Amino acid sequence: MEKRDKKILFLVFTVKAKDELIDKVLEFAERIGARIIALNVVDFGMIRHLSQKLEKREAEVSVDLEEEGWMYLYYVEERAKDRGIMINIVQEEGVVERELIKASEKFAVDLVVISREEHQGIANFNKFIESLLLRVKCPLLIL
């Protein structure tokens, strides 16, 4: 039987997470020898919301969120590489729940990690988690 590397899907948002959260994910990955798949989703709902709130065109907001997302993903990537942890960074545009499920299947992850504090853009966090528990084919860790 072929040995497969462990993979952790870490959902990150365009709002910079606390270093403490990143450290927890990195420490866990390091402890079990896992690769991290850091995923940021530029959420359609968030684009519409910010467009109205900031009175900017949706295309402008989308570009801003993409740029912020890449900056944050690069930050997480740098922190992981400093510790010798393998990492892939991925950014998608769509609905967070849908993109998270697709990524978990595409990368055949062993664990999905989500921050309890960083769920901006997800209207009903409890419903979101409930749906993930039913649809994701691996354990879900909420920090």
C-alpha atoms as a PDB file:
ATOM      1  CA  MET A   1       0.000   0.000   0.000  1.00  0.00           C
ATOM      2  CA  GLU A   2       1.333   3.418  -0.980  1.00  0.00           C
ATOM      3  CA  LYS A   3       2.094   5.815   1.875  1.00  0.00           C
ATOM      4  CA  ARG A   4       0.298   9.126   1.455  1.00  0.00           C
ATOM      5  CA  ASP A   5       1.333  12.406   3.029  1.00  0.00           C
ATOM      6  CA  LYS A   6      -1.096  13.897   5.527  1.00  0.00           C
ATOM      7  CA  LYS A   7      -2.738  17.109   4.372  1.00  0.00           C
ATOM      8  CA  ILE A   8      -4.445  19.845   6.368  1.00  0.00           C
ATOM      9  CA  LEU A   9      -6.756  22.297   4.617  1.00  0.00           C
ATOM     10  CA  PHE A  10      -6.524  25.621   6.469  1.00  0.00           C
ATOM     11  CA  LEU A  11      -9.265  28.093   5.563  1.00  0.00           C
ATOM     12  CA  VAL A  12      -7.917  31.614   5.750  1.00  0.00           C
ATOM     13  CA  PHE A  13      -9.715  34.872   5.169  1.00  0.00           C
ATOM     14  CA  THR A  14      -8.616  38.186   3.713  1.00  0.00           C
ATOM     15  CA  VAL A  15      -8.655  39.602   7.227  1.00  0.00           C
ATOM     16  CA  LYS A  16      -5.269  38.846   8.762  1.00  0.00           C
ATOM     17  CA  ALA A  17      -5.577  36.115  11.375  1.00  0.00           C
ATOM     18  CA  LYS A  18      -3.947  36.274  14.723  1.00  0.00           C
ATOM     19  CA  ASP A  19      -0.433  34.886  14.708  1.00  0.00           C
ATOM     20  CA  GLU A  20      -1.560  32.648  17.565  1.00  0.00           C
ATOM     21  CA  LEU A  21      -4.002  30.859  15.248  1.00  0.00           C
ATOM     22  CA  ILE A  22      -1.386  30.404  12.547  1.00  0.00           C
ATOM     23  CA  ASP A  23       1.046  29.074  15.147  1.00  0.00           C
ATOM     24  CA  LYS A  24      -1.490  26.482  16.325  1.00  0.00           C
ATOM     25  CA  VAL A  25      -2.054  25.211  12.792  1.00  0.00           C
ATOM     26  CA  LEU A  26       1.669  25.170  12.023  1.00  0.00           C
ATOM     27  CA  GLU A  27       2.518  23.406  15.289  1.00  0.00           C
ATOM     28  CA  PHE A  28      -0.077  20.736  14.614  1.00  0.00           C
ATOM     29  CA  ALA A  29       1.121  20.226  11.028  1.00  0.00           C
ATOM     30  CA  GLU A  30       4.696  20.022  12.250  1.00  0.00           C
ATOM     31  CA  ARG A  31       3.800  17.500  14.951  1.00  0.00           C
ATOM     32  CA  ILE A  32       2.085  15.091  12.557  1.00  0.00           C
ATOM     33  CA  GLY A  33       4.301  15.799   9.553  1.00  0.00           C
ATOM     34  CA  ALA A  34       1.485  17.186   7.410  1.00  0.00           C
ATOM     35  CA  ARG A  35       1.453  19.438   4.377  1.00  0.00           C
ATOM     36  CA  ILE A  36      -0.770  22.514   4.686  1.00  0.00           C
ATOM     37  CA  ILE A  37      -3.129  23.594   1.938  1.00  0.00           C
ATOM     38  CA  ALA A  38      -3.909  27.241   2.776  1.00  0.00           C
ATOM     39  CA  LEU A  39      -7.141  28.292   1.074  1.00  0.00           C
ATOM     40  CA  ASN A  40      -8.571  31.773   0.763  1.00  0.00           C
ATOM     41  CA  VAL A  41     -11.946  32.293  -0.881  1.00  0.00           C
ATOM     42  CA  VAL A  42     -12.928  35.650  -2.326  1.00  0.00           C
ATOM     43  CA  ASP A  43     -16.598  35.293  -1.482  1.00  0.00           C
ATOM     44  CA  PHE A  44     -19.279  36.594  -3.865  1.00  0.00           C
ATOM     45  CA  GLY A  45     -21.487  37.696  -0.957  1.00  0.00           C
ATOM     46  CA  MET A  46     -18.651  39.628   0.648  1.00  0.00           C
ATOM     47  CA  ILE A  47     -17.882  41.326  -2.671  1.00  0.00           C
ATOM     48  CA  ARG A  48     -21.499  42.504  -2.986  1.00  0.00           C
ATOM     49  CA  HIS A  49     -21.659  43.588   0.666  1.00  0.00           C
ATOM     50  CA  LEU A  50     -18.427  45.593   0.540  1.00  0.00           C
ATOM     51  CA  SER A  51     -19.334  47.068  -2.837  1.00  0.00           C
ATOM     52  CA  GLN A  52     -22.505  48.564  -1.366  1.00  0.00           C
ATOM     53  CA  LYS A  53     -20.884  49.577   1.908  1.00  0.00           C
ATOM     54  CA  LEU A  54     -17.852  51.234   0.292  1.00  0.00           C
ATOM     55  CA  GLU A  55     -19.801  52.525  -2.730  1.00  0.00           C
ATOM     56  CA  LYS A  56     -17.297  50.913  -5.104  1.00  0.00           C
ATOM     57  CA  ARG A  57     -17.823  48.759  -8.157  1.00  0.00           C
ATOM     58  CA  GLU A  58     -17.886  45.016  -7.487  1.00  0.00           C
ATOM     59  CA  ALA A  59     -14.928  44.510  -9.844  1.00  0.00           C
ATOM     60  CA  GLU A  60     -12.821  46.929  -7.778  1.00  0.00           C
ATOM     61  CA  VAL A  61     -13.780  45.242  -4.514  1.00  0.00           C
ATOM     62  CA  SER A  62     -13.036  41.831  -5.999  1.00  0.00           C
ATOM     63  CA  VAL A  63      -9.533  42.920  -7.059  1.00  0.00           C
ATOM     64  CA  ASP A  64      -8.890  44.447  -3.621  1.00  0.00           C
ATOM     65  CA  LEU A  65      -9.991  41.254  -1.861  1.00  0.00           C
ATOM     66  CA  GLU A  66      -7.882  39.113  -4.195  1.00  0.00           C
ATOM     67  CA  GLU A  67      -4.799  41.232  -3.512  1.00  0.00           C
ATOM     68  CA  GLU A  68      -5.384  41.110   0.260  1.00  0.00           C
ATOM     69  CA  GLY A  69      -5.967  37.375   0.044  1.00  0.00           C
ATOM     70  CA  TRP A  70      -2.688  36.762  -1.771  1.00  0.00           C
ATOM     71  CA  MET A  71      -0.799  38.938   0.714  1.00  0.00           C
ATOM     72  CA  TYR A  72      -2.198  36.926   3.588  1.00  0.00           C
ATOM     73  CA  LEU A  73      -1.585  33.589   1.863  1.00  0.00           C
ATOM     74  CA  TYR A  74       2.031  34.596   1.185  1.00  0.00           C
ATOM     75  CA  TYR A  75       2.391  35.533   4.862  1.00  0.00           C
ATOM     76  CA  VAL A  76       1.133  32.113   5.991  1.00  0.00           C
ATOM     77  CA  GLU A  77       3.357  30.455   3.376  1.00  0.00           C
ATOM     78  CA  GLU A  78       6.427  32.301   4.640  1.00  0.00           C
ATOM     79  CA  ARG A  79       5.666  31.328   8.246  1.00  0.00           C
ATOM     80  CA  ALA A  80       5.264  27.672   7.240  1.00  0.00           C
ATOM     81  CA  LYS A  81       8.451  27.599   5.176  1.00  0.00           C
ATOM     82  CA  ASP A  82      10.399  29.187   8.050  1.00  0.00           C
ATOM     83  CA  ARG A  83       9.445  26.111  10.085  1.00  0.00           C
ATOM     84  CA  GLY A  84      10.183  23.655   7.288  1.00  0.00           C
ATOM     85  CA  ILE A  85       6.517  22.800   6.723  1.00  0.00           C
ATOM     86  CA  MET A  86       5.407  22.026   3.173  1.00  0.00           C
ATOM     87  CA  ILE A  87       2.568  24.273   2.049  1.00  0.00           C
ATOM     88  CA  ASN A  88       0.447  24.987  -0.999  1.00  0.00           C
ATOM     89  CA  ILE A  89      -1.461  28.238  -1.255  1.00  0.00           C
ATOM     90  CA  VAL A  90      -4.718  28.431  -3.157  1.00  0.00           C
ATOM     91  CA  GLN A  91      -7.151  31.264  -3.798  1.00  0.00           C
ATOM     92  CA  GLU A  92     -10.573  30.761  -5.333  1.00  0.00           C
ATOM     93  CA  GLU A  93     -13.519  33.020  -6.050  1.00  0.00           C
ATOM     94  CA  GLY A  94     -16.988  31.796  -5.191  1.00  0.00           C
ATOM     95  CA  VAL A  95     -19.009  30.742  -2.174  1.00  0.00           C
ATOM     96  CA  VAL A  96     -16.814  29.797   0.804  1.00  0.00           C
ATOM     97  CA  GLU A  97     -18.671  26.588   1.662  1.00  0.00           C
ATOM     98  CA  ARG A  98     -18.682  25.311  -1.914  1.00  0.00           C
ATOM     99  CA  GLU A  99     -15.031  26.161  -2.561  1.00  0.00           C
ATOM    100  CA  LEU A 100     -13.931  24.620   0.730  1.00  0.00           C
ATOM    101  CA  ILE A 101     -15.692  21.350  -0.067  1.00  0.00           C
ATOM    102  CA  LYS A 102     -14.245  21.299  -3.602  1.00  0.00           C
ATOM    103  CA  ALA A 103     -10.720  21.925  -2.287  1.00  0.00           C
ATOM    104  CA  SER A 104     -11.046  19.248   0.396  1.00  0.00           C
ATOM    105  CA  GLU A 105     -11.928  16.715  -2.296  1.00  0.00           C
ATOM    106  CA  LYS A 106      -9.418  17.939  -4.887  1.00  0.00           C
ATOM    107  CA  PHE A 107      -6.492  17.761  -2.459  1.00  0.00           C
ATOM    108  CA  ALA A 108      -7.795  14.661  -0.601  1.00  0.00           C
ATOM    109  CA  VAL A 109      -7.180  16.327   2.760  1.00  0.00           C
ATOM    110  CA  ASP A 110      -7.169  14.534   6.088  1.00  0.00           C
ATOM    111  CA  LEU A 111      -8.363  17.494   8.165  1.00  0.00           C
ATOM    112  CA  VAL A 112     -10.048  20.857   7.606  1.00  0.00           C
ATOM    113  CA  VAL A 113      -9.165  23.678  10.026  1.00  0.00           C
ATOM    114  CA  ILE A 114     -11.391  26.728  10.410  1.00  0.00           C
ATOM    115  CA  SER A 115     -11.130  29.630  12.822  1.00  0.00           C
ATOM    116  CA  ARG A 116     -14.158  30.318  14.977  1.00  0.00           C
ATOM    117  CA  GLU A 117     -13.177  33.993  15.160  1.00  0.00           C
ATOM    118  CA  GLU A 118     -12.547  34.565  11.468  1.00  0.00           C
ATOM    119  CA  HIS A 119     -15.874  33.859   9.883  1.00  0.00           C
ATOM    120  CA  GLN A 120     -16.551  37.271   8.401  1.00  0.00           C
ATOM    121  CA  GLY A 121     -18.542  36.925   5.231  1.00  0.00           C
ATOM    122  CA  ILE A 122     -20.282  33.776   6.427  1.00  0.00           C
ATOM    123  CA  ALA A 123     -23.777  34.889   7.362  1.00  0.00           C
ATOM    124  CA  ASN A 124     -24.728  31.945   9.566  1.00  0.00           C
ATOM    125  CA  PHE A 125     -21.582  30.314  10.923  1.00  0.00           C
ATOM    126  CA  ASN A 126     -23.401  27.503  12.763  1.00  0.00           C
ATOM    127  CA  LYS A 127     -25.326  26.509   9.642  1.00  0.00           C
ATOM    128  CA  PHE A 128     -22.082  26.702   7.642  1.00  0.00           C
ATOM    129  CA  ILE A 129     -20.333  24.320  10.073  1.00  0.00           C
ATOM    130  CA  GLU A 130     -23.318  21.965  10.155  1.00  0.00           C
ATOM    131  CA  SER A 131     -23.294  21.759   6.363  1.00  0.00           C
ATOM    132  CA  LEU A 132     -19.542  21.105   6.295  1.00  0.00           C
ATOM    133  CA  LEU A 133     -19.872  18.318   8.857  1.00  0.00           C
ATOM    134  CA  LEU A 134     -22.371  16.616   6.569  1.00  0.00           C
ATOM    135  CA  ARG A 135     -20.484  17.155   3.312  1.00  0.00           C
ATOM    136  CA  VAL A 136     -16.742  17.112   4.024  1.00  0.00           C
ATOM    137  CA  LYS A 137     -15.280  13.619   4.022  1.00  0.00           C
ATOM    138  CA  CYS A 138     -12.699  14.234   6.764  1.00  0.00           C
ATOM    139  CA  PRO A 139     -12.617  15.617  10.320  1.00  0.00           C
ATOM    140  CA  LEU A 140     -13.234  19.318  10.872  1.00  0.00           C
ATOM    141  CA  LEU A 141     -11.261  21.225  13.520  1.00  0.00           C
ATOM    142  CA  ILE A 142     -12.615  24.567  14.682  1.00  0.00           C
ATOM    143  CA  LEU A 143     -10.102  26.725  16.542  1.00  0.00           C
END
